[in-house]
Each structure stands twice: as structure tokens, then as C-alpha cells.
Amino acid sequence: MRVKITTSCFGKGFNYSAGDVKDVTEKLGKDLISAGFASEIKSAKPKKETKPAGGADADA
């Protein structure tokens, strides 16, 4: 889970500053969010590769 830290916090095995963006375990992420220390960053879906219109090569 990817989160943005909104309030500096620390605990066993971590020390985060406000503004940090971190990949954390699902459990830690949910704990930080429910405590108000972080917000979840939703990952954007990768864009599909588009082909040129007409299906012809651009060099033709």
C-alpha cells in the first residue's frame, strides 16, 4: 500500500515525516490512515499503448 504521511509519526521500525510518500504493509497503512497520520495514494492504472490510426506504419 502506498501512503502519503500527513503528520510526522514514529513507531517500532519506522520514523516518518509529514510529506513523505511511502510503500508500507497493508496493516501499517490502514493503522496510519485510521489514526489520521496518513492518506492512501491510489495508483493510477497504466495507460494502454495506442496504435496509429489506420494500422499502417508511420514510415510508409
N, C-alpha and C. Protein backbone atom coordinates (compact mmCIF):
# COMPACT_ATOMS: atom_id res chain seq x y z
N MET A 1 0.85 -1.17 0.00
CA MET A 1 0.00 0.00 0.00
C MET A 1 0.90 1.24 0.00
N ARG A 2 0.51 2.22 -0.78
CA ARG A 2 1.29 3.46 -0.87
C ARG A 2 0.51 4.55 -0.13
N VAL A 3 1.20 5.26 0.78
CA VAL A 3 0.56 6.30 1.57
C VAL A 3 1.38 7.58 1.55
N LYS A 4 0.69 8.69 1.79
CA LYS A 4 1.37 9.98 1.98
C LYS A 4 1.19 10.33 3.45
N ILE A 5 2.30 10.56 4.13
CA ILE A 5 2.28 10.89 5.55
C ILE A 5 1.83 12.34 5.71
N THR A 6 0.78 12.55 6.51
CA THR A 6 0.24 13.89 6.72
C THR A 6 0.72 14.50 8.02
N THR A 7 1.10 13.66 8.98
CA THR A 7 1.59 14.10 10.29
C THR A 7 2.80 13.26 10.66
N SER A 8 3.88 13.89 11.07
CA SER A 8 5.07 13.14 11.46
C SER A 8 4.71 12.13 12.55
N CYS A 9 5.28 10.93 12.43
CA CYS A 9 4.97 9.87 13.39
C CYS A 9 6.12 8.86 13.40
N PHE A 10 6.16 8.07 14.48
CA PHE A 10 7.18 7.03 14.57
C PHE A 10 6.63 5.88 15.37
N GLY A 11 7.25 4.75 15.21
CA GLY A 11 6.84 3.56 15.93
C GLY A 11 7.94 2.53 15.81
N LYS A 12 7.64 1.31 16.21
CA LYS A 12 8.62 0.25 16.15
C LYS A 12 8.98 -0.04 14.69
N GLY A 13 10.17 0.32 14.30
CA GLY A 13 10.66 0.04 12.96
C GLY A 13 10.38 1.09 11.92
N PHE A 14 9.77 2.23 12.29
CA PHE A 14 9.55 3.28 11.29
C PHE A 14 9.62 4.66 11.94
N ASN A 15 9.95 5.64 11.11
CA ASN A 15 10.01 7.04 11.53
C ASN A 15 9.72 7.87 10.27
N TYR A 16 8.53 8.44 10.20
CA TYR A 16 8.09 9.17 9.00
C TYR A 16 7.87 10.64 9.31
N SER A 17 8.20 11.47 8.34
CA SER A 17 7.98 12.91 8.45
C SER A 17 6.81 13.31 7.56
N ALA A 18 6.11 14.37 7.95
CA ALA A 18 4.99 14.87 7.15
C ALA A 18 5.48 15.15 5.72
N GLY A 19 4.71 14.70 4.75
CA GLY A 19 5.05 14.90 3.34
C GLY A 19 5.72 13.70 2.71
N ASP A 20 6.21 12.75 3.51
CA ASP A 20 6.83 11.54 2.96
C ASP A 20 5.79 10.71 2.21
N VAL A 21 6.22 10.08 1.14
CA VAL A 21 5.39 9.10 0.43
C VAL A 21 6.09 7.76 0.59
N LYS A 22 5.37 6.78 1.14
CA LYS A 22 5.99 5.51 1.50
C LYS A 22 5.15 4.33 1.03
N ASP A 23 5.84 3.24 0.70
CA ASP A 23 5.20 1.95 0.48
C ASP A 23 5.26 1.21 1.81
N VAL A 24 4.11 0.86 2.35
CA VAL A 24 4.04 0.19 3.65
C VAL A 24 3.16 -1.05 3.53
N THR A 25 3.20 -1.89 4.55
CA THR A 25 2.33 -3.06 4.55
C THR A 25 0.88 -2.60 4.64
N GLU A 26 -0.02 -3.46 4.21
CA GLU A 26 -1.45 -3.15 4.25
C GLU A 26 -1.89 -2.82 5.69
N LYS A 27 -1.42 -3.61 6.65
CA LYS A 27 -1.80 -3.39 8.05
C LYS A 27 -1.30 -2.04 8.56
N LEU A 28 -0.02 -1.74 8.35
CA LEU A 28 0.54 -0.47 8.82
C LEU A 28 -0.16 0.69 8.12
N GLY A 29 -0.39 0.57 6.83
CA GLY A 29 -1.06 1.63 6.09
C GLY A 29 -2.44 1.92 6.65
N LYS A 30 -3.22 0.87 6.92
CA LYS A 30 -4.56 1.05 7.48
C LYS A 30 -4.49 1.67 8.87
N ASP A 31 -3.51 1.25 9.68
CA ASP A 31 -3.34 1.82 11.02
C ASP A 31 -2.99 3.32 10.94
N LEU A 32 -2.07 3.67 10.05
CA LEU A 32 -1.68 5.08 9.92
C LEU A 32 -2.84 5.93 9.44
N ILE A 33 -3.61 5.41 8.49
CA ILE A 33 -4.76 6.14 7.96
C ILE A 33 -5.84 6.32 9.02
N SER A 34 -6.15 5.23 9.75
CA SER A 34 -7.21 5.32 10.76
C SER A 34 -6.80 6.24 11.92
N ALA A 35 -5.49 6.36 12.17
CA ALA A 35 -5.01 7.26 13.23
C ALA A 35 -4.92 8.71 12.75
N GLY A 36 -5.10 8.93 11.45
CA GLY A 36 -5.04 10.29 10.90
C GLY A 36 -3.64 10.76 10.57
N PHE A 37 -2.69 9.83 10.50
CA PHE A 37 -1.30 10.19 10.20
C PHE A 37 -0.96 10.11 8.72
N ALA A 38 -1.85 9.51 7.92
CA ALA A 38 -1.54 9.31 6.50
C ALA A 38 -2.81 9.25 5.69
N SER A 39 -2.65 9.37 4.38
CA SER A 39 -3.76 9.17 3.45
C SER A 39 -3.26 8.23 2.35
N GLU A 40 -4.17 7.41 1.85
CA GLU A 40 -3.79 6.43 0.83
C GLU A 40 -3.62 7.10 -0.52
N ILE A 41 -2.63 6.65 -1.24
CA ILE A 41 -2.41 7.10 -2.61
C ILE A 41 -2.88 5.98 -3.51
N LYS A 42 -3.91 6.24 -4.27
CA LYS A 42 -4.42 5.24 -5.21
C LYS A 42 -3.52 5.25 -6.43
N SER A 43 -3.07 4.08 -6.83
CA SER A 43 -2.20 4.00 -8.01
C SER A 43 -3.03 4.13 -9.26
N ALA A 44 -2.52 4.88 -10.20
CA ALA A 44 -3.20 5.07 -11.48
C ALA A 44 -3.03 3.82 -12.33
N LYS A 45 -4.05 3.48 -13.06
CA LYS A 45 -3.96 2.33 -13.96
C LYS A 45 -3.05 2.70 -15.12
N PRO A 46 -2.16 1.79 -15.52
CA PRO A 46 -1.28 2.09 -16.65
C PRO A 46 -2.08 2.30 -17.92
N LYS A 47 -1.64 3.26 -18.71
CA LYS A 47 -2.33 3.55 -19.97
C LYS A 47 -2.02 2.46 -20.98
N LYS A 48 -3.02 2.12 -21.79
CA LYS A 48 -2.80 1.15 -22.87
C LYS A 48 -2.04 1.83 -23.99
N GLU A 49 -1.15 1.06 -24.60
CA GLU A 49 -0.39 1.59 -25.73
C GLU A 49 -1.33 1.73 -26.91
N THR A 50 -1.30 2.88 -27.56
CA THR A 50 -2.18 3.11 -28.70
C THR A 50 -1.41 2.91 -30.00
N LYS A 51 -2.09 2.42 -30.99
CA LYS A 51 -1.50 2.21 -32.31
C LYS A 51 -1.93 3.35 -33.22
N PRO A 52 -1.14 3.68 -34.22
CA PRO A 52 -1.51 4.76 -35.14
C PRO A 52 -2.82 4.42 -35.85
N ALA A 53 -3.59 5.44 -36.17
CA ALA A 53 -4.86 5.25 -36.87
C ALA A 53 -4.62 4.62 -38.22
N GLY A 54 -5.46 3.71 -38.61
CA GLY A 54 -5.33 3.03 -39.90
C GLY A 54 -4.46 1.81 -39.86
N GLY A 55 -3.70 1.61 -38.82
CA GLY A 55 -2.88 0.42 -38.65
C GLY A 55 -1.66 0.37 -39.55
N ALA A 56 -1.37 1.44 -40.29
CA ALA A 56 -0.21 1.46 -41.19
C ALA A 56 1.01 1.97 -40.43
N ASP A 57 2.18 1.62 -40.91
CA ASP A 57 3.40 2.12 -40.32
C ASP A 57 3.53 3.62 -40.61
N ALA A 58 4.12 4.34 -39.70
CA ALA A 58 4.30 5.78 -39.88
C ALA A 58 5.31 6.11 -40.97
N ASP A 59 6.22 5.18 -41.29
CA ASP A 59 7.24 5.43 -42.30
C ASP A 59 6.79 5.14 -43.72
N ALA A 60 5.62 4.58 -43.89
CA ALA A 60 5.18 4.16 -45.23
C ALA A 60 4.82 5.30 -46.12
